[in-house]
Amino acid sequence: MQVISFTGRSNSGKTLTIEALVRHWKAQGLRVGVLKHCPKGYQLDHEGKDSARVYGAGADVVGVAGPDECAVRWRSHGGMDPLALVERAFPSDLEVVVLEGFRAAPVPHVVVLEARERIPVDGADVGVVAWVHPFASTAADRPVFRPGDGGALAAFLCDRLGIGRVARQEANGRDLEVLAARPSAGEGPVVGGAEPGNSAHPGAGSCPGAGGAE
């Protein structure tokens, strides 16, 4: 699992950029998690609901399970390290977890800048791997991507950080198994297998999955 943080000023376009990334990676078949930093707090539940009432009564953990999604709420007692939270709460089979915020987290960072902000040309923190800015720049000391350009940024991060590498290896291994199971010339079709000339899994590009879908 690779963890990467997107930082920047409020309303700089962090969520827009992350949304584009998530859509692209999901189209490629990756399992993706997102953790948002809310330093001012947030409201997950609604006052008067059963789950809010038992949480207010002092329950340490309250979960709500529905037909299509579930939520678990617990007390962080003043906050929690984002990596510890990811380890505790997120499934271990995720290929990538995106943090929105958490500037101090010891993970690779993509910094999202507003149009009025200048793109640094040197001296950036070593943890910064790329910039996101409305205007491209060839003078920057890191690659620059535009907000919402999920395809190009996703491909860069896959290559730079190895995101999806295990999924690609597993997919390639399954393709080899399919090839090995194909009949030789003159034999009948393989029951339950791929048709001759067609792989059961699309080839891998910069990210695994659906044939380069955007």
Protein backbone atom coordinates (compact mmCIF):
# COMPACT_ATOMS: atom_id res chain seq x y z
CA MET A 1 0.00 0.00 0.00
CA GLN A 2 1.35 3.42 -1.01
CA VAL A 3 0.26 6.52 0.94
CA ILE A 4 0.54 9.97 -0.63
CA SER A 5 -0.59 13.38 0.65
CA PHE A 6 -2.12 16.30 -1.24
CA THR A 7 -1.56 19.61 0.50
CA GLY A 8 -2.31 23.26 -0.28
CA ARG A 9 -4.44 26.20 0.75
CA SER A 10 -8.19 25.89 1.28
CA ASN A 11 -10.08 26.02 -2.03
CA SER A 12 -6.89 25.52 -4.02
CA GLY A 13 -8.34 22.50 -5.83
CA LYS A 14 -7.13 19.59 -3.69
CA THR A 15 -10.47 17.79 -3.71
CA LEU A 16 -10.95 18.36 -7.45
CA THR A 17 -7.53 16.86 -8.14
CA ILE A 18 -8.05 13.90 -5.80
CA GLU A 19 -11.49 13.24 -7.29
CA ALA A 20 -9.99 13.07 -10.79
CA LEU A 21 -7.26 10.73 -9.55
CA VAL A 22 -9.71 8.42 -7.79
CA ARG A 23 -11.93 8.20 -10.88
CA HIS A 24 -8.93 7.35 -13.06
CA TRP A 25 -7.46 4.76 -10.68
CA LYS A 26 -10.85 3.09 -10.16
CA ALA A 27 -11.29 2.86 -13.92
CA GLN A 28 -7.92 1.11 -13.96
CA GLY A 29 -9.08 -1.43 -11.39
CA LEU A 30 -7.13 -0.17 -8.38
CA ARG A 31 -8.44 -0.26 -4.80
CA VAL A 32 -8.21 3.29 -3.46
CA GLY A 33 -8.71 4.91 -0.04
CA VAL A 34 -8.95 8.60 0.90
CA LEU A 35 -8.47 10.18 4.31
CA LYS A 36 -9.38 13.87 4.71
CA HIS A 37 -7.96 16.07 7.45
CA CYS A 38 -10.64 18.12 9.24
CA PRO A 39 -8.80 20.27 11.82
CA LYS A 40 -11.98 22.22 12.63
CA GLY A 41 -14.00 19.07 13.24
CA TYR A 42 -16.88 17.59 11.27
CA GLN A 43 -20.37 16.14 11.72
CA LEU A 44 -20.66 12.49 10.76
CA ASP A 45 -23.91 11.71 12.55
CA HIS A 46 -27.19 13.55 13.19
CA GLU A 47 -28.38 14.60 16.62
CA GLY A 48 -31.26 12.47 17.85
CA LYS A 49 -30.44 9.43 15.71
CA ASP A 50 -29.95 6.14 17.55
CA SER A 51 -26.26 5.93 16.64
CA ALA A 52 -25.65 9.51 17.83
CA ARG A 53 -27.49 8.84 21.07
CA VAL A 54 -25.41 5.79 22.02
CA TYR A 55 -22.21 7.62 21.03
CA GLY A 56 -23.27 10.53 23.21
CA ALA A 57 -23.91 8.10 26.04
CA GLY A 58 -20.20 7.29 26.00
CA ALA A 59 -19.78 4.27 23.71
CA ASP A 60 -16.14 3.99 22.64
CA VAL A 61 -17.01 2.74 19.16
CA VAL A 62 -20.28 2.96 17.22
CA GLY A 63 -20.86 1.36 13.84
CA VAL A 64 -23.69 1.76 11.36
CA ALA A 65 -24.22 -0.89 8.68
CA GLY A 66 -26.44 -0.46 5.63
CA PRO A 67 -27.01 -2.54 2.49
CA ASP A 68 -24.37 -0.70 0.42
CA GLU A 69 -22.04 1.00 2.89
CA CYS A 70 -21.07 1.17 6.55
CA ALA A 71 -19.41 3.65 8.90
CA VAL A 72 -17.51 3.24 12.16
CA ARG A 73 -17.05 6.12 14.59
CA TRP A 74 -14.61 6.15 17.49
CA ARG A 75 -12.92 8.66 19.75
CA SER A 76 -9.47 9.82 18.67
CA HIS A 77 -8.73 11.60 21.97
CA GLY A 78 -7.12 14.70 20.51
CA GLY A 79 -6.25 13.38 17.08
CA MET A 80 -4.36 10.51 15.55
CA ASP A 81 -1.34 10.09 13.31
CA PRO A 82 -2.73 9.59 9.78
CA LEU A 83 -0.54 6.56 9.09
CA ALA A 84 -1.68 4.93 12.33
CA LEU A 85 -5.27 5.69 11.37
CA VAL A 86 -4.81 4.18 7.92
CA GLU A 87 -3.27 1.07 9.47
CA ARG A 88 -6.12 0.75 11.96
CA ALA A 89 -9.14 1.58 9.84
CA PHE A 90 -8.34 0.94 6.16
CA PRO A 91 -8.29 -2.49 4.48
CA SER A 92 -4.76 -3.80 3.98
CA ASP A 93 -5.42 -4.77 0.35
CA LEU A 94 -5.74 -1.16 -0.83
CA GLU A 95 -3.11 -0.27 -3.42
CA VAL A 96 -3.07 3.44 -2.63
CA VAL A 97 -4.38 5.74 0.09
CA VAL A 98 -4.62 9.48 -0.60
CA LEU A 99 -4.40 11.90 2.30
CA GLU A 100 -6.02 15.30 1.84
CA GLY A 101 -4.01 17.55 4.09
CA PHE A 102 -1.69 16.20 6.80
CA ARG A 103 1.21 18.39 5.72
CA ALA A 104 3.54 16.88 8.33
CA ALA A 105 2.92 13.27 7.35
CA PRO A 106 6.20 11.51 6.36
CA VAL A 107 4.92 10.47 2.93
CA PRO A 108 5.36 11.79 -0.63
CA HIS A 109 3.46 15.03 -1.20
CA VAL A 110 1.75 16.66 -4.15
CA VAL A 111 1.28 20.39 -3.51
CA VAL A 112 -1.79 22.03 -5.05
CA LEU A 113 -1.30 25.75 -5.73
CA GLU A 114 -3.73 28.54 -6.48
CA ALA A 115 -3.41 30.54 -9.69
CA ARG A 116 -2.05 33.53 -7.75
CA GLU A 117 0.72 31.43 -6.19
CA ARG A 118 4.08 31.10 -7.91
CA ILE A 119 5.43 27.64 -8.71
CA PRO A 120 8.75 27.17 -6.89
CA VAL A 121 11.69 26.76 -9.25
CA ASP A 122 14.11 25.38 -6.65
CA GLY A 123 14.49 24.62 -2.98
CA ALA A 124 11.26 22.65 -2.56
CA ASP A 125 10.91 20.18 0.26
CA VAL A 126 12.43 16.85 -0.71
CA GLY A 127 9.11 15.17 0.07
CA VAL A 128 7.33 17.04 -2.75
CA VAL A 129 7.09 14.92 -5.91
CA ALA A 130 4.88 17.19 -8.05
CA TRP A 131 2.99 20.48 -8.24
CA VAL A 132 -0.59 21.09 -9.35
CA HIS A 133 -1.21 24.56 -10.81
CA PRO A 134 -3.67 26.06 -13.33
CA PHE A 135 -0.76 27.08 -15.57
CA ALA A 136 1.97 24.81 -16.82
CA SER A 137 5.61 25.65 -16.21
CA THR A 138 8.84 24.25 -17.62
CA ALA A 139 10.96 26.13 -15.08
CA ALA A 140 9.65 24.31 -12.01
CA ASP A 141 11.87 21.94 -10.08
CA ARG A 142 9.17 19.24 -10.11
CA PRO A 143 6.62 18.11 -12.72
CA VAL A 144 3.57 20.40 -12.93
CA PHE A 145 0.04 19.12 -13.60
CA ARG A 146 -3.23 20.98 -14.01
CA PRO A 147 -6.20 20.52 -11.63
CA GLY A 148 -8.49 17.76 -12.82
CA ASP A 149 -5.84 16.22 -15.08
CA GLY A 150 -6.20 12.85 -13.38
CA GLY A 151 -4.85 10.72 -16.21
CA ALA A 152 -1.43 12.34 -16.52
CA LEU A 153 -0.95 12.75 -12.78
CA ALA A 154 -2.08 9.17 -12.08
CA ALA A 155 0.36 7.79 -14.66
CA PHE A 156 3.21 9.84 -13.17
CA LEU A 157 2.47 8.69 -9.62
CA CYS A 158 2.11 5.06 -10.70
CA ASP A 159 5.52 5.20 -12.33
CA ARG A 160 7.25 7.29 -9.66
CA LEU A 161 5.87 5.54 -6.58
CA GLY A 162 5.16 2.06 -7.93
CA ILE A 163 1.41 2.34 -7.36
CA GLY A 164 -0.36 -0.71 -8.79
CA ARG A 165 2.87 -2.64 -9.34
CA VAL A 166 1.64 -5.69 -7.41
CA ALA A 167 -1.70 -5.58 -9.24
CA ARG A 168 0.14 -5.50 -12.57
CA GLN A 169 2.30 -8.45 -11.58
CA GLU A 170 -0.75 -10.43 -10.47
CA ALA A 171 -2.61 -9.56 -13.68
CA ASN A 172 0.38 -10.57 -15.80
CA GLY A 173 0.60 -13.84 -13.86
CA ARG A 174 -3.07 -14.56 -14.58
CA ASP A 175 -2.50 -13.80 -18.26
CA LEU A 176 0.32 -16.34 -18.33
CA GLU A 177 -1.97 -18.92 -16.73
CA VAL A 178 -4.58 -18.25 -19.40
CA LEU A 179 -1.99 -18.65 -22.15
CA ALA A 180 -0.79 -21.92 -20.64
CA ALA A 181 -4.37 -23.21 -20.53
CA ARG A 182 -5.13 -22.47 -24.17
CA PRO A 183 -5.47 -25.54 -26.41
CA SER A 184 -2.91 -26.28 -29.05
CA ALA A 185 -3.87 -26.28 -32.72
CA GLY A 186 -6.65 -28.75 -33.44
CA GLU A 187 -7.93 -29.01 -29.89
CA GLY A 188 -11.34 -27.82 -28.81
CA PRO A 189 -12.00 -24.68 -26.75
CA VAL A 190 -11.13 -24.51 -23.07
CA VAL A 191 -14.27 -24.72 -20.97
CA GLY A 192 -14.52 -21.62 -18.78
CA GLY A 193 -11.33 -20.14 -20.22
CA ALA A 194 -10.55 -17.27 -22.55
CA GLU A 195 -11.28 -17.53 -26.25
CA PRO A 196 -8.16 -18.08 -28.37
CA GLY A 197 -6.59 -14.75 -29.25
CA ASN A 198 -8.19 -12.88 -26.35
CA SER A 199 -6.62 -12.39 -22.95
CA ALA A 200 -8.89 -12.68 -19.92
CA HIS A 201 -7.25 -9.54 -18.53
CA PRO A 202 -6.32 -6.32 -20.37
CA GLY A 203 -2.68 -5.46 -20.70
CA ALA A 204 -1.04 -3.13 -18.22
CA GLY A 205 -0.02 0.37 -19.16
CA SER A 206 1.25 2.95 -16.71
CA CYS A 207 -1.44 1.69 -14.33
CA PRO A 208 -3.12 -1.72 -14.24
CA GLY A 209 -6.56 -2.45 -15.53
CA ALA A 210 -9.05 -1.34 -18.08
CA GLY A 211 -6.99 -0.79 -21.18
CA GLY A 212 -5.99 2.81 -20.48
CA ALA A 213 -9.49 4.10 -19.73
CA GLU A 214 -9.51 7.70 -18.61
